[in-house]
Protein backbone atom coordinates (compact mmCIF):
# COMPACT_ATOMS: atom_id res chain seq x y z
CA MET A 1 -13.16 -15.07 -14.83
CA GLY A 2 -9.98 -17.04 -14.12
CA ASP A 3 -7.88 -16.73 -11.01
CA VAL A 4 -9.09 -13.78 -8.98
CA THR A 5 -6.95 -12.16 -6.31
CA TYR A 6 -8.95 -10.48 -3.61
CA LEU A 7 -7.12 -7.73 -1.77
CA ALA A 8 -8.79 -7.53 1.66
CA GLY A 9 -6.15 -6.83 4.28
CA ARG A 10 -3.81 -5.08 1.85
CA LEU A 11 -3.13 -1.40 1.31
CA LEU A 12 -3.98 0.71 -1.69
CA VAL A 13 -1.44 3.52 -1.98
CA ALA A 14 -2.46 6.38 -4.25
CA THR A 15 -0.09 7.06 -7.12
CA PRO A 16 1.12 10.66 -7.32
CA GLY A 17 -1.42 11.39 -10.08
CA THR A 18 -4.45 10.17 -8.11
CA GLY A 19 -6.51 13.25 -7.37
CA GLY A 20 -9.40 14.42 -5.27
CA ASP A 21 -9.10 15.77 -1.77
CA ILE A 22 -9.67 12.49 0.02
CA PHE A 23 -7.64 10.23 -2.27
CA HIS A 24 -4.67 12.51 -2.99
CA ARG A 25 -1.66 10.76 -1.40
CA SER A 26 -3.97 8.45 0.49
CA VAL A 27 -3.35 5.03 1.98
CA VAL A 28 -6.47 2.84 2.04
CA LEU A 29 -6.79 -0.37 4.05
CA LEU A 30 -9.12 -2.70 2.17
CA LEU A 31 -11.53 -4.27 4.64
CA HIS A 32 -13.48 -6.29 2.08
CA HIS A 33 -13.04 -7.23 -1.57
CA ASP A 34 -14.94 -9.72 -3.73
CA ASP A 35 -16.73 -9.94 -7.09
CA ASP A 36 -19.39 -7.49 -5.90
CA GLY A 37 -16.91 -4.73 -5.08
CA ALA A 38 -14.67 -3.50 -2.29
CA HIS A 39 -14.65 -1.17 0.65
CA GLY A 40 -11.96 0.18 2.89
CA LEU A 41 -10.76 3.07 5.02
CA VAL A 42 -8.41 5.92 4.21
CA LEU A 43 -5.86 5.70 7.03
CA ASN A 44 -4.08 9.02 6.74
CA LYS A 45 -6.74 11.76 6.64
CA PRO A 46 -7.49 13.00 10.17
CA ILE A 47 -10.35 15.48 10.58
CA GLU A 48 -9.91 18.46 12.88
CA ALA A 49 -12.50 17.06 15.28
CA ASP A 50 -12.04 14.97 18.37
CA VAL A 51 -13.84 11.64 18.67
CA GLU A 52 -15.54 13.15 21.72
CA ALA A 53 -17.69 15.29 19.40
CA VAL A 54 -19.61 12.21 18.22
CA LEU A 55 -18.66 9.39 20.63
CA PRO A 56 -17.68 10.90 23.99
CA THR A 57 -17.20 7.55 25.76
CA TRP A 58 -14.54 6.49 23.23
CA GLN A 59 -12.32 9.61 23.28
CA GLU A 60 -9.98 8.44 26.05
CA HIS A 61 -9.49 5.08 24.28
CA VAL A 62 -8.50 6.17 20.77
CA VAL A 63 -4.85 6.34 19.80
CA ALA A 64 -3.03 9.59 19.01
CA PRO A 65 -3.78 12.01 17.51
CA GLY A 66 -7.22 11.41 19.05
CA HIS A 67 -9.14 12.85 16.11
CA LEU A 68 -11.81 11.39 13.89
CA PHE A 69 -10.49 10.24 10.51
CA GLN A 70 -12.25 10.55 7.18
CA GLY A 71 -12.40 6.97 5.98
CA GLY A 72 -13.64 7.99 2.56
CA PRO A 73 -16.30 9.90 0.72
CA VAL A 74 -19.17 7.45 1.34
CA GLY A 75 -21.45 7.47 4.40
CA LEU A 76 -19.91 10.43 6.18
CA ASP A 77 -22.75 10.35 8.71
CA THR A 78 -21.65 6.91 9.95
CA ALA A 79 -18.76 5.99 12.24
CA LEU A 80 -16.68 2.83 12.13
CA GLY A 81 -14.27 1.74 14.84
CA LEU A 82 -11.15 -0.09 13.72
CA VAL A 83 -9.23 -2.03 16.37
CA ARG A 84 -5.98 -3.89 16.76
CA LEU A 85 -6.79 -7.02 18.70
CA GLY A 86 -4.87 -8.13 21.72
CA HIS A 87 -4.67 -11.68 23.00
CA GLY A 88 -7.74 -13.76 23.70
CA GLY A 89 -10.72 -14.94 21.77
CA ALA A 90 -14.50 -14.64 21.81
CA GLU A 91 -14.37 -11.28 20.06
CA ASP A 92 -17.83 -11.66 18.52
CA ASP A 93 -19.38 -11.82 21.98
CA LEU A 94 -17.79 -8.46 22.86
CA GLY A 95 -18.96 -6.49 19.85
CA ILE A 96 -15.66 -7.04 18.05
CA LYS A 97 -15.39 -8.74 14.67
CA ARG A 98 -11.96 -9.93 13.51
CA LEU A 99 -11.44 -9.12 9.83
CA PHE A 100 -7.91 -10.42 9.18
CA GLY A 101 -4.74 -10.83 11.21
CA GLU A 102 -4.82 -8.52 14.23
CA ILE A 103 -7.34 -6.12 12.66
CA GLY A 104 -11.02 -6.00 13.49
CA VAL A 105 -13.98 -3.67 13.73
CA VAL A 106 -15.81 -2.79 16.91
CA ASP A 107 -19.45 -2.01 17.54
CA LEU A 108 -19.18 1.55 18.83
CA ASP A 109 -22.44 1.08 20.75
CA ALA A 110 -20.64 -1.48 22.96
CA PRO A 111 -19.34 -0.11 26.27
CA PRO A 112 -15.62 0.69 25.93
CA GLU A 113 -14.86 -0.87 29.32
CA ILE A 114 -15.97 -4.27 27.97
CA VAL A 115 -14.07 -3.94 24.68
CA MET A 116 -10.78 -2.34 25.75
CA PRO A 117 -9.31 -5.31 27.67
CA HIS A 118 -9.31 -7.19 24.35
CA VAL A 119 -7.79 -4.57 22.04
CA SER A 120 -4.55 -2.61 21.99
CA SER A 121 -5.55 0.23 19.66
CA VAL A 122 -8.74 1.96 18.50
CA ARG A 123 -9.30 4.53 15.77
CA VAL A 124 -12.68 5.96 14.69
CA PHE A 125 -13.49 6.78 11.07
CA ALA A 126 -16.31 8.86 9.61
CA GLY A 127 -17.33 7.37 6.29
CA TYR A 128 -15.59 4.80 4.14
CA SER A 129 -14.28 4.23 0.63
CA GLY A 130 -16.33 2.00 -1.66
CA TRP A 131 -16.04 0.52 -5.13
CA GLY A 132 -18.75 -1.27 -7.11
CA ALA A 133 -18.22 -4.53 -8.99
CA GLY A 134 -15.17 -4.19 -11.23
CA GLN A 135 -14.57 -0.53 -10.32
CA LEU A 136 -11.45 -1.09 -8.20
CA GLU A 137 -10.03 -3.48 -10.79
CA GLY A 138 -10.49 -0.75 -13.41
CA GLU A 139 -8.68 1.80 -11.24
CA LEU A 140 -5.84 -0.67 -10.68
CA GLU A 141 -5.52 -1.28 -14.42
CA ALA A 142 -5.49 2.49 -15.00
CA GLY A 143 -2.56 2.83 -12.56
CA ALA A 144 -4.35 4.83 -9.84
CA TRP A 145 -3.14 2.62 -6.98
CA TYR A 146 -0.19 0.55 -5.84
CA VAL A 147 -1.13 -2.57 -3.88
CA VAL A 148 1.24 -3.24 -0.98
CA ASP A 149 1.27 -5.33 2.16
CA ALA A 150 -0.16 -3.81 5.31
CA ARG A 151 1.44 -3.97 8.72
CA PRO A 152 -0.68 -4.23 11.88
CA GLY A 153 0.36 -0.77 13.10
CA ASP A 154 -0.46 1.05 9.85
CA PRO A 155 -4.08 1.91 10.74
CA PHE A 156 -2.96 3.34 14.08
CA MET A 157 0.06 5.42 13.00
CA PRO A 158 0.39 8.27 15.54
CA VAL A 159 1.55 10.69 12.81
CA PRO A 160 -0.74 9.73 9.93
CA GLU A 161 0.53 12.50 7.65
CA ILE A 162 3.76 10.53 7.04
CA LEU A 163 2.06 7.21 6.24
CA TRP A 164 1.98 7.66 2.43
CA ARG A 165 5.74 8.24 2.23
CA LEU A 166 6.53 5.59 4.83
CA VAL A 167 4.58 2.86 3.03
CA LEU A 168 6.13 3.76 -0.33
CA ARG A 169 9.68 3.74 1.13
CA ARG A 170 9.34 0.39 2.84
CA SER A 171 7.85 -1.21 -0.27
CA GLY A 172 11.20 -0.99 -2.03
CA GLY A 173 11.83 -1.15 -5.73
CA LYS A 174 10.67 1.56 -8.11
CA ILE A 175 7.77 2.75 -5.98
CA ALA A 176 10.07 3.54 -3.05
CA TRP A 177 11.49 6.41 -5.11
CA LEU A 178 8.04 7.99 -5.27
CA ALA A 179 8.17 8.74 -1.55
CA ASN A 180 10.24 11.78 -2.58
CA TYR A 181 7.82 12.86 -5.31
CA PRO A 182 7.17 16.59 -4.85
CA GLU A 183 3.69 17.79 -3.93
CA ASP A 184 3.79 20.01 -7.01
CA PRO A 185 5.97 18.36 -9.70
CA GLN A 186 6.30 21.68 -11.52
CA MET A 187 8.27 22.98 -8.55
CA ASN A 188 10.88 20.23 -8.96
C-alpha cells in the first residue's frame, strides 16, 4: 500500500460543497485513523441542550457555551468527553486517556472532582463521525475535505459557529479565501 499517512490529531474541514446537516461547514477532529478506518468528532455543531440533561455532574465543568455537541451521525445515544490536559501525568489512573498532544478523552462515569484538577477544558459530545476502511481516503480523493493542522484550543472554541471560517482563514493559501464563501453561492 506504500507510504500511508494517518491523520489522527488533524482537522477535516468540509469543503463548501460537502452537504448533509451535520457535515455542512463542519470541522472534524480525527481521534483515530488507521487501515481499518477513522473516527472523529464534529467540533462546531452545538445542540440546544445543556450537558446537565444527560450528565448533571459535568455541567459546571464544561466550557462555554455549556451545551452538548453533536459529534457526528453515529451512536447518538452515547456521550464522549473530550478534554484538554493540564500538567501532570498518570491520566490513565484518573479515567483520562491521552490521545495526542494536549487532547484526551475522559470516562464520564469518573467523578468530575477527581478529573478536573488534571484538565483545563471539557466538552461533551453526543455521537461521533466514523469511516470504514478506505472510506475517508475516498472522500479525500473526491475533494470533500481539507486536511489542516489542529490547535489545542480548537475543540473548546467558546463560539463554535465561527470555527469553520477561522480554521480556513488561518490555513492560508487558496483555502483561506473560502472562509468568505457565501452560504448560498447563488446569492453572490
